[in-house]
């Protein structure tokens, strides 16, 4: 069980998660699948279309192909980060971009603060880019 992080402000915890997400995204830019896997909780679940990838081993194996080649096939960066007042769970969300910088989707990641104080990703789901300003009928 994770002890509440009462000594740290919510703003400080949000910044921890923001920096963790940035470091996680940097693993793709650096072409480092081992570093990528180090951010995954053992029981992580990544949604891939309508299929769930379960566990760090399965996620790392599926994502290995994204690390092949000299150029990353996509990048991501957090726009929004929120942390529970208990300091135990957080969500980060932001754009996914192709190599030219065009937005191709949005990621949504849930992070859990582990007993050692590090944040690990436990849930991840993305969606394709859309024009959210356009009314839907």
N, C-alpha and C. Protein backbone atom coordinates (compact mmCIF):
# COMPACT_ATOMS: atom_id res chain seq x y z
N UNK A 1 0.85 -1.19 0.00
CA UNK A 1 0.00 0.00 0.00
C UNK A 1 0.89 1.25 0.00
N UNK A 2 0.50 2.23 -0.78
CA UNK A 2 1.26 3.46 -0.89
C UNK A 2 0.81 4.42 0.20
N UNK A 3 1.75 4.97 0.92
CA UNK A 3 1.41 5.96 1.96
C UNK A 3 1.02 7.27 1.30
N UNK A 4 0.03 7.96 1.84
CA UNK A 4 -0.36 9.25 1.26
C UNK A 4 0.82 10.23 1.26
N UNK A 5 0.86 11.04 0.23
CA UNK A 5 1.96 12.00 0.06
C UNK A 5 1.53 13.36 0.59
N UNK A 6 1.16 13.43 1.84
CA UNK A 6 0.62 14.66 2.42
C UNK A 6 1.67 15.77 2.55
N UNK A 7 2.92 15.42 2.65
CA UNK A 7 3.96 16.43 2.83
C UNK A 7 4.23 17.19 1.53
N UNK A 8 3.78 16.64 0.40
CA UNK A 8 4.01 17.29 -0.88
C UNK A 8 2.72 17.94 -1.37
N UNK A 9 2.84 19.12 -1.92
CA UNK A 9 1.66 19.80 -2.43
C UNK A 9 1.17 19.10 -3.69
N UNK A 10 -0.10 19.32 -4.02
CA UNK A 10 -0.64 18.76 -5.24
C UNK A 10 0.12 19.29 -6.45
N UNK A 11 0.50 20.55 -6.40
CA UNK A 11 1.27 21.14 -7.51
C UNK A 11 2.61 20.43 -7.68
N UNK A 12 3.26 20.10 -6.58
CA UNK A 12 4.56 19.40 -6.65
C UNK A 12 4.37 18.00 -7.22
N UNK A 13 3.30 17.32 -6.81
CA UNK A 13 3.02 15.98 -7.32
C UNK A 13 2.70 16.02 -8.81
N UNK A 14 1.92 17.01 -9.24
CA UNK A 14 1.61 17.16 -10.66
C UNK A 14 2.89 17.36 -11.47
N UNK A 15 3.81 18.15 -10.93
CA UNK A 15 5.07 18.37 -11.64
C UNK A 15 5.89 17.09 -11.70
N UNK A 16 5.87 16.28 -10.64
CA UNK A 16 6.55 14.98 -10.68
C UNK A 16 6.00 14.12 -11.81
N UNK A 17 4.68 14.06 -11.91
CA UNK A 17 4.06 13.24 -12.95
C UNK A 17 4.37 13.82 -14.33
N UNK A 18 4.30 15.14 -14.47
CA UNK A 18 4.63 15.77 -15.75
C UNK A 18 6.05 15.41 -16.18
N UNK A 19 6.99 15.52 -15.26
CA UNK A 19 8.38 15.19 -15.59
C UNK A 19 8.57 13.70 -15.87
N UNK A 20 7.81 12.87 -15.17
CA UNK A 20 7.86 11.42 -15.44
C UNK A 20 7.33 11.12 -16.83
N UNK A 21 6.22 11.75 -17.21
CA UNK A 21 5.67 11.55 -18.56
C UNK A 21 6.64 12.03 -19.62
N UNK A 22 7.29 13.16 -19.39
CA UNK A 22 8.28 13.68 -20.35
C UNK A 22 9.44 12.70 -20.48
N UNK A 23 9.91 12.16 -19.37
CA UNK A 23 11.01 11.18 -19.41
C UNK A 23 10.56 9.90 -20.13
N UNK A 24 9.31 9.50 -19.89
CA UNK A 24 8.76 8.32 -20.55
C UNK A 24 8.73 8.53 -22.06
N UNK A 25 8.26 9.68 -22.51
CA UNK A 25 8.22 9.99 -23.94
C UNK A 25 9.62 10.07 -24.54
N UNK A 26 10.57 10.53 -23.76
CA UNK A 26 11.96 10.64 -24.25
C UNK A 26 12.54 9.27 -24.59
N UNK A 27 12.03 8.21 -23.97
CA UNK A 27 12.52 6.87 -24.30
C UNK A 27 12.27 6.54 -25.77
N UNK A 28 11.15 7.04 -26.30
CA UNK A 28 10.85 6.82 -27.72
C UNK A 28 11.81 7.63 -28.58
N UNK A 29 12.00 8.90 -28.26
CA UNK A 29 12.92 9.75 -29.01
C UNK A 29 14.34 9.21 -28.97
N UNK A 30 14.72 8.65 -27.83
CA UNK A 30 16.07 8.09 -27.66
C UNK A 30 16.21 6.69 -28.25
N UNK A 31 15.07 6.11 -28.69
CA UNK A 31 15.06 4.76 -29.27
C UNK A 31 15.52 3.72 -28.25
N UNK A 32 15.00 3.82 -27.03
CA UNK A 32 15.46 2.99 -25.91
C UNK A 32 14.30 2.17 -25.32
N UNK A 33 14.02 0.97 -25.86
CA UNK A 33 12.91 0.17 -25.36
C UNK A 33 13.11 -0.31 -23.92
N UNK A 34 14.34 -0.49 -23.49
CA UNK A 34 14.60 -0.91 -22.11
C UNK A 34 14.17 0.18 -21.13
N UNK A 35 14.52 1.42 -21.45
CA UNK A 35 14.10 2.54 -20.61
C UNK A 35 12.58 2.68 -20.63
N UNK A 36 11.96 2.50 -21.80
CA UNK A 36 10.50 2.53 -21.90
C UNK A 36 9.88 1.54 -20.92
N UNK A 37 10.35 0.32 -20.94
CA UNK A 37 9.79 -0.73 -20.09
C UNK A 37 9.96 -0.42 -18.60
N UNK A 38 10.98 0.36 -18.25
CA UNK A 38 11.22 0.67 -16.83
C UNK A 38 10.11 1.56 -16.23
N UNK A 39 9.30 2.19 -17.07
CA UNK A 39 8.21 3.04 -16.59
C UNK A 39 6.90 2.26 -16.41
N UNK A 40 6.87 1.01 -16.83
CA UNK A 40 5.65 0.21 -16.80
C UNK A 40 5.48 -0.50 -15.46
N UNK A 41 4.31 -0.39 -14.86
CA UNK A 41 3.99 -1.21 -13.69
C UNK A 41 3.84 -2.65 -14.17
N UNK A 42 4.14 -3.60 -13.30
CA UNK A 42 4.04 -5.01 -13.67
C UNK A 42 2.65 -5.36 -14.20
N UNK A 43 1.60 -4.77 -13.63
CA UNK A 43 0.24 -5.09 -14.02
C UNK A 43 -0.37 -4.09 -15.00
N UNK A 44 0.46 -3.32 -15.66
CA UNK A 44 -0.04 -2.30 -16.58
C UNK A 44 -0.97 -2.88 -17.64
N UNK A 45 -1.90 -2.05 -18.09
CA UNK A 45 -2.79 -2.41 -19.20
C UNK A 45 -2.74 -1.26 -20.20
N UNK A 46 -2.38 -1.59 -21.44
CA UNK A 46 -2.39 -0.62 -22.53
C UNK A 46 -3.48 -1.06 -23.50
N UNK A 47 -4.35 -0.13 -23.84
CA UNK A 47 -5.37 -0.40 -24.85
C UNK A 47 -4.75 -0.21 -26.23
N UNK A 48 -5.02 -1.15 -27.10
CA UNK A 48 -4.54 -1.10 -28.48
C UNK A 48 -5.74 -1.37 -29.37
N UNK A 49 -6.37 -0.31 -29.84
CA UNK A 49 -7.64 -0.47 -30.54
C UNK A 49 -8.67 -0.96 -29.54
N UNK A 50 -9.31 -2.07 -29.84
CA UNK A 50 -10.28 -2.64 -28.90
C UNK A 50 -9.69 -3.83 -28.14
N UNK A 51 -8.36 -3.96 -28.17
CA UNK A 51 -7.66 -5.06 -27.50
C UNK A 51 -6.82 -4.51 -26.35
N UNK A 52 -6.79 -5.23 -25.26
CA UNK A 52 -5.98 -4.83 -24.11
C UNK A 52 -4.69 -5.63 -24.08
N UNK A 53 -3.59 -4.92 -23.96
CA UNK A 53 -2.29 -5.56 -23.71
C UNK A 53 -2.12 -5.58 -22.20
N UNK A 54 -1.90 -6.76 -21.63
CA UNK A 54 -1.88 -6.91 -20.17
C UNK A 54 -0.49 -7.27 -19.69
N UNK A 55 0.01 -6.45 -18.77
CA UNK A 55 1.29 -6.71 -18.13
C UNK A 55 2.45 -6.05 -18.85
N UNK A 56 3.46 -5.72 -18.08
CA UNK A 56 4.63 -5.02 -18.63
C UNK A 56 5.32 -5.83 -19.72
N UNK A 57 5.38 -7.14 -19.56
CA UNK A 57 6.06 -7.98 -20.56
C UNK A 57 5.35 -7.91 -21.90
N UNK A 58 4.02 -8.04 -21.88
CA UNK A 58 3.25 -8.01 -23.13
C UNK A 58 3.31 -6.63 -23.78
N UNK A 59 3.19 -5.58 -22.98
CA UNK A 59 3.25 -4.22 -23.53
C UNK A 59 4.63 -3.95 -24.15
N UNK A 60 5.68 -4.28 -23.42
CA UNK A 60 7.04 -4.05 -23.93
C UNK A 60 7.28 -4.83 -25.22
N UNK A 61 6.79 -6.08 -25.29
CA UNK A 61 6.97 -6.89 -26.50
C UNK A 61 6.24 -6.26 -27.68
N UNK A 62 5.02 -5.80 -27.46
CA UNK A 62 4.23 -5.20 -28.54
C UNK A 62 4.83 -3.87 -29.00
N UNK A 63 5.35 -3.10 -28.06
CA UNK A 63 5.90 -1.79 -28.40
C UNK A 63 7.32 -1.87 -28.96
N UNK A 64 7.96 -3.01 -28.88
CA UNK A 64 9.35 -3.13 -29.35
C UNK A 64 9.48 -2.66 -30.81
N UNK A 65 8.51 -2.97 -31.63
CA UNK A 65 8.55 -2.59 -33.05
C UNK A 65 8.59 -1.07 -33.23
N UNK A 66 7.99 -0.32 -32.31
CA UNK A 66 8.01 1.13 -32.41
C UNK A 66 9.40 1.72 -32.20
N UNK A 67 10.31 0.93 -31.64
CA UNK A 67 11.65 1.40 -31.36
C UNK A 67 12.65 1.03 -32.46
N UNK A 68 12.21 0.34 -33.48
CA UNK A 68 13.08 -0.03 -34.59
C UNK A 68 13.23 1.17 -35.51
N UNK A 69 14.38 1.27 -36.13
CA UNK A 69 14.64 2.38 -37.04
C UNK A 69 15.24 3.57 -36.33
N UNK A 70 15.81 4.46 -37.13
CA UNK A 70 16.53 5.61 -36.58
C UNK A 70 15.59 6.71 -36.09
N UNK A 71 14.40 6.81 -36.70
CA UNK A 71 13.48 7.89 -36.34
C UNK A 71 12.25 7.33 -35.64
N UNK A 72 11.86 7.99 -34.59
CA UNK A 72 10.65 7.58 -33.86
C UNK A 72 9.43 7.76 -34.76
N UNK A 73 8.50 6.79 -34.75
CA UNK A 73 7.31 6.91 -35.59
C UNK A 73 6.29 7.90 -35.05
N UNK A 74 6.43 8.29 -33.78
CA UNK A 74 5.55 9.27 -33.16
C UNK A 74 6.18 9.78 -31.89
N UNK A 75 5.60 10.85 -31.36
CA UNK A 75 6.05 11.43 -30.10
C UNK A 75 4.81 11.86 -29.33
N UNK A 76 5.00 12.13 -28.05
CA UNK A 76 3.90 12.62 -27.23
C UNK A 76 4.43 13.51 -26.13
N UNK A 77 3.55 14.35 -25.60
CA UNK A 77 3.93 15.27 -24.52
C UNK A 77 2.69 15.59 -23.70
N UNK A 78 2.85 15.72 -22.39
CA UNK A 78 1.69 16.01 -21.55
C UNK A 78 1.21 17.45 -21.68
N UNK A 79 -0.10 17.62 -21.83
CA UNK A 79 -0.73 18.94 -21.77
C UNK A 79 -1.44 19.12 -20.44
N UNK A 80 -2.05 18.03 -19.98
CA UNK A 80 -2.84 18.06 -18.76
C UNK A 80 -2.35 16.98 -17.81
N UNK A 81 -2.20 17.35 -16.54
CA UNK A 81 -1.84 16.39 -15.50
C UNK A 81 -2.69 16.71 -14.28
N UNK A 82 -3.29 15.69 -13.70
CA UNK A 82 -4.03 15.83 -12.44
C UNK A 82 -3.64 14.69 -11.52
N UNK A 83 -3.60 14.98 -10.22
CA UNK A 83 -3.21 13.99 -9.21
C UNK A 83 -4.28 13.95 -8.13
N UNK A 84 -4.62 12.75 -7.68
CA UNK A 84 -5.54 12.63 -6.55
C UNK A 84 -4.94 13.33 -5.34
N UNK A 85 -5.81 13.84 -4.46
CA UNK A 85 -5.31 14.48 -3.25
C UNK A 85 -4.50 13.52 -2.38
N UNK A 86 -4.78 12.22 -2.48
CA UNK A 86 -4.00 11.23 -1.72
C UNK A 86 -2.58 11.10 -2.25
N UNK A 87 -2.32 11.60 -3.47
CA UNK A 87 -0.99 11.50 -4.06
C UNK A 87 -0.65 10.12 -4.56
N UNK A 88 -1.65 9.27 -4.79
CA UNK A 88 -1.38 7.89 -5.17
C UNK A 88 -1.62 7.59 -6.64
N UNK A 89 -2.53 8.32 -7.28
CA UNK A 89 -2.84 8.12 -8.69
C UNK A 89 -2.86 9.45 -9.41
N UNK A 90 -2.51 9.39 -10.70
CA UNK A 90 -2.52 10.60 -11.52
C UNK A 90 -2.92 10.25 -12.93
N UNK A 91 -3.38 11.24 -13.66
CA UNK A 91 -3.67 11.08 -15.08
C UNK A 91 -2.90 12.15 -15.84
N UNK A 92 -2.36 11.74 -16.98
CA UNK A 92 -1.71 12.68 -17.88
C UNK A 92 -2.32 12.48 -19.27
N UNK A 93 -2.43 13.56 -20.00
CA UNK A 93 -3.05 13.51 -21.32
C UNK A 93 -2.41 14.57 -22.20
N UNK A 94 -2.36 14.27 -23.49
CA UNK A 94 -1.80 15.25 -24.41
C UNK A 94 -1.74 14.72 -25.82
N UNK A 95 -1.15 15.51 -26.70
CA UNK A 95 -1.11 15.15 -28.12
C UNK A 95 -0.08 14.06 -28.44
N UNK A 96 -0.44 13.27 -29.44
CA UNK A 96 0.49 12.34 -30.09
C UNK A 96 0.73 12.94 -31.47
N UNK A 97 2.00 13.01 -31.86
CA UNK A 97 2.35 13.65 -33.13
C UNK A 97 3.17 12.71 -34.00
N UNK A 98 3.00 12.82 -35.32
CA UNK A 98 3.82 12.05 -36.25
C UNK A 98 5.18 12.74 -36.39
N UNK A 99 6.12 12.14 -37.13
CA UNK A 99 7.46 12.74 -37.23
C UNK A 99 7.48 14.17 -37.79
N UNK A 100 6.46 14.55 -38.56
CA UNK A 100 6.41 15.92 -39.10
C UNK A 100 5.83 16.91 -38.10
N UNK A 101 5.33 16.41 -36.97
CA UNK A 101 4.75 17.29 -35.96
C UNK A 101 3.24 17.40 -36.02
N UNK A 102 2.61 16.73 -36.99
CA UNK A 102 1.15 16.76 -37.12
C UNK A 102 0.52 15.93 -36.01
N UNK A 103 -0.48 16.50 -35.38
CA UNK A 103 -1.20 15.78 -34.33
C UNK A 103 -2.00 14.64 -34.95
N UNK A 104 -1.78 13.44 -34.45
CA UNK A 104 -2.47 12.27 -34.97
C UNK A 104 -3.38 11.61 -33.93
N UNK A 105 -3.31 12.08 -32.70
CA UNK A 105 -4.14 11.49 -31.66
C UNK A 105 -3.89 12.14 -30.32
N UNK A 106 -4.47 11.54 -29.30
CA UNK A 106 -4.34 12.00 -27.92
C UNK A 106 -4.08 10.78 -27.04
N UNK A 107 -3.12 10.89 -26.14
CA UNK A 107 -2.87 9.81 -25.19
C UNK A 107 -3.50 10.16 -23.85
N UNK A 108 -3.86 9.14 -23.12
CA UNK A 108 -4.40 9.26 -21.76
C UNK A 108 -3.73 8.18 -20.93
N UNK A 109 -2.95 8.58 -19.94
CA UNK A 109 -2.21 7.62 -19.13
C UNK A 109 -2.53 7.81 -17.66
N UNK A 110 -2.69 6.71 -16.96
CA UNK A 110 -2.90 6.72 -15.51
C UNK A 110 -1.63 6.21 -14.86
N UNK A 111 -1.14 6.99 -13.90
CA UNK A 111 0.11 6.70 -13.19
C UNK A 111 -0.19 6.38 -11.73
N UNK A 112 0.56 5.43 -11.17
CA UNK A 112 0.42 5.09 -9.76
C UNK A 112 1.76 5.35 -9.07
N UNK A 113 1.68 5.98 -7.93
CA UNK A 113 2.89 6.22 -7.14
C UNK A 113 3.21 4.95 -6.36
N UNK A 114 4.39 4.41 -6.61
CA UNK A 114 4.82 3.17 -5.98
C UNK A 114 5.37 3.44 -4.58
N UNK A 115 5.52 2.41 -3.75
CA UNK A 115 6.03 2.60 -2.39
C UNK A 115 7.39 3.32 -2.33
N UNK A 116 8.21 3.16 -3.39
CA UNK A 116 9.52 3.83 -3.40
C UNK A 116 9.42 5.29 -3.84
N UNK A 117 8.19 5.76 -4.15
CA UNK A 117 7.99 7.15 -4.55
C UNK A 117 8.00 7.37 -6.05
N UNK A 118 8.42 6.37 -6.82
CA UNK A 118 8.44 6.51 -8.28
C UNK A 118 7.04 6.31 -8.84
N UNK A 119 6.77 6.98 -9.95
CA UNK A 119 5.50 6.84 -10.65
C UNK A 119 5.65 5.80 -11.75
N UNK A 120 4.69 4.88 -11.83
CA UNK A 120 4.66 3.84 -12.87
C UNK A 120 3.31 3.94 -13.59
N UNK A 121 3.35 3.69 -14.88
CA UNK A 121 2.12 3.75 -15.66
C UNK A 121 1.34 2.45 -15.47
N UNK A 122 0.05 2.57 -15.16
CA UNK A 122 -0.79 1.40 -14.93
C UNK A 122 -1.87 1.23 -16.01
N UNK A 123 -2.29 2.31 -16.62
CA UNK A 123 -3.30 2.25 -17.68
C UNK A 123 -2.95 3.26 -18.76
N UNK A 124 -3.14 2.86 -20.01
CA UNK A 124 -2.87 3.77 -21.12
C UNK A 124 -3.89 3.52 -22.22
N UNK A 125 -4.42 4.60 -22.76
CA UNK A 125 -5.36 4.50 -23.86
C UNK A 125 -5.22 5.75 -24.71
N UNK A 126 -5.27 5.58 -25.98
CA UNK A 126 -5.20 6.72 -26.88
C UNK A 126 -6.43 6.78 -27.75
N UNK A 127 -6.56 7.89 -28.44
CA UNK A 127 -7.65 8.02 -29.40
C UNK A 127 -7.13 8.81 -30.58
N UNK A 128 -7.73 8.60 -31.76
CA UNK A 128 -7.29 9.33 -32.95
C UNK A 128 -7.59 10.82 -32.83
N UNK A 129 -6.89 11.59 -33.62
CA UNK A 129 -7.12 13.03 -33.63
C UNK A 129 -8.51 13.32 -34.17
N UNK A 130 -9.12 14.32 -33.59
CA UNK A 130 -10.42 14.76 -34.08
C UNK A 130 -10.52 16.27 -33.89
N UNK A 131 -11.45 16.86 -34.56
CA UNK A 131 -11.71 18.27 -34.37
C UNK A 131 -12.84 18.37 -33.35
N UNK A 132 -12.46 18.52 -32.09
CA UNK A 132 -13.43 18.52 -31.01
C UNK A 132 -14.31 19.77 -31.03
N UNK A 133 -13.91 20.81 -31.78
CA UNK A 133 -14.70 22.03 -31.86
C UNK A 133 -15.88 21.88 -32.82
N UNK A 134 -15.86 20.84 -33.66
CA UNK A 134 -16.92 20.63 -34.63
C UNK A 134 -18.09 19.95 -33.94
N UNK A 135 -19.28 20.56 -33.99
CA UNK A 135 -20.46 19.92 -33.35
C UNK A 135 -20.75 18.58 -34.00
N UNK A 136 -21.15 17.63 -33.18
CA UNK A 136 -21.52 16.31 -33.70
C UNK A 136 -23.04 16.18 -33.67
N UNK A 137 -23.60 15.58 -34.70
CA UNK A 137 -25.07 15.38 -34.77
C UNK A 137 -25.43 14.02 -34.28
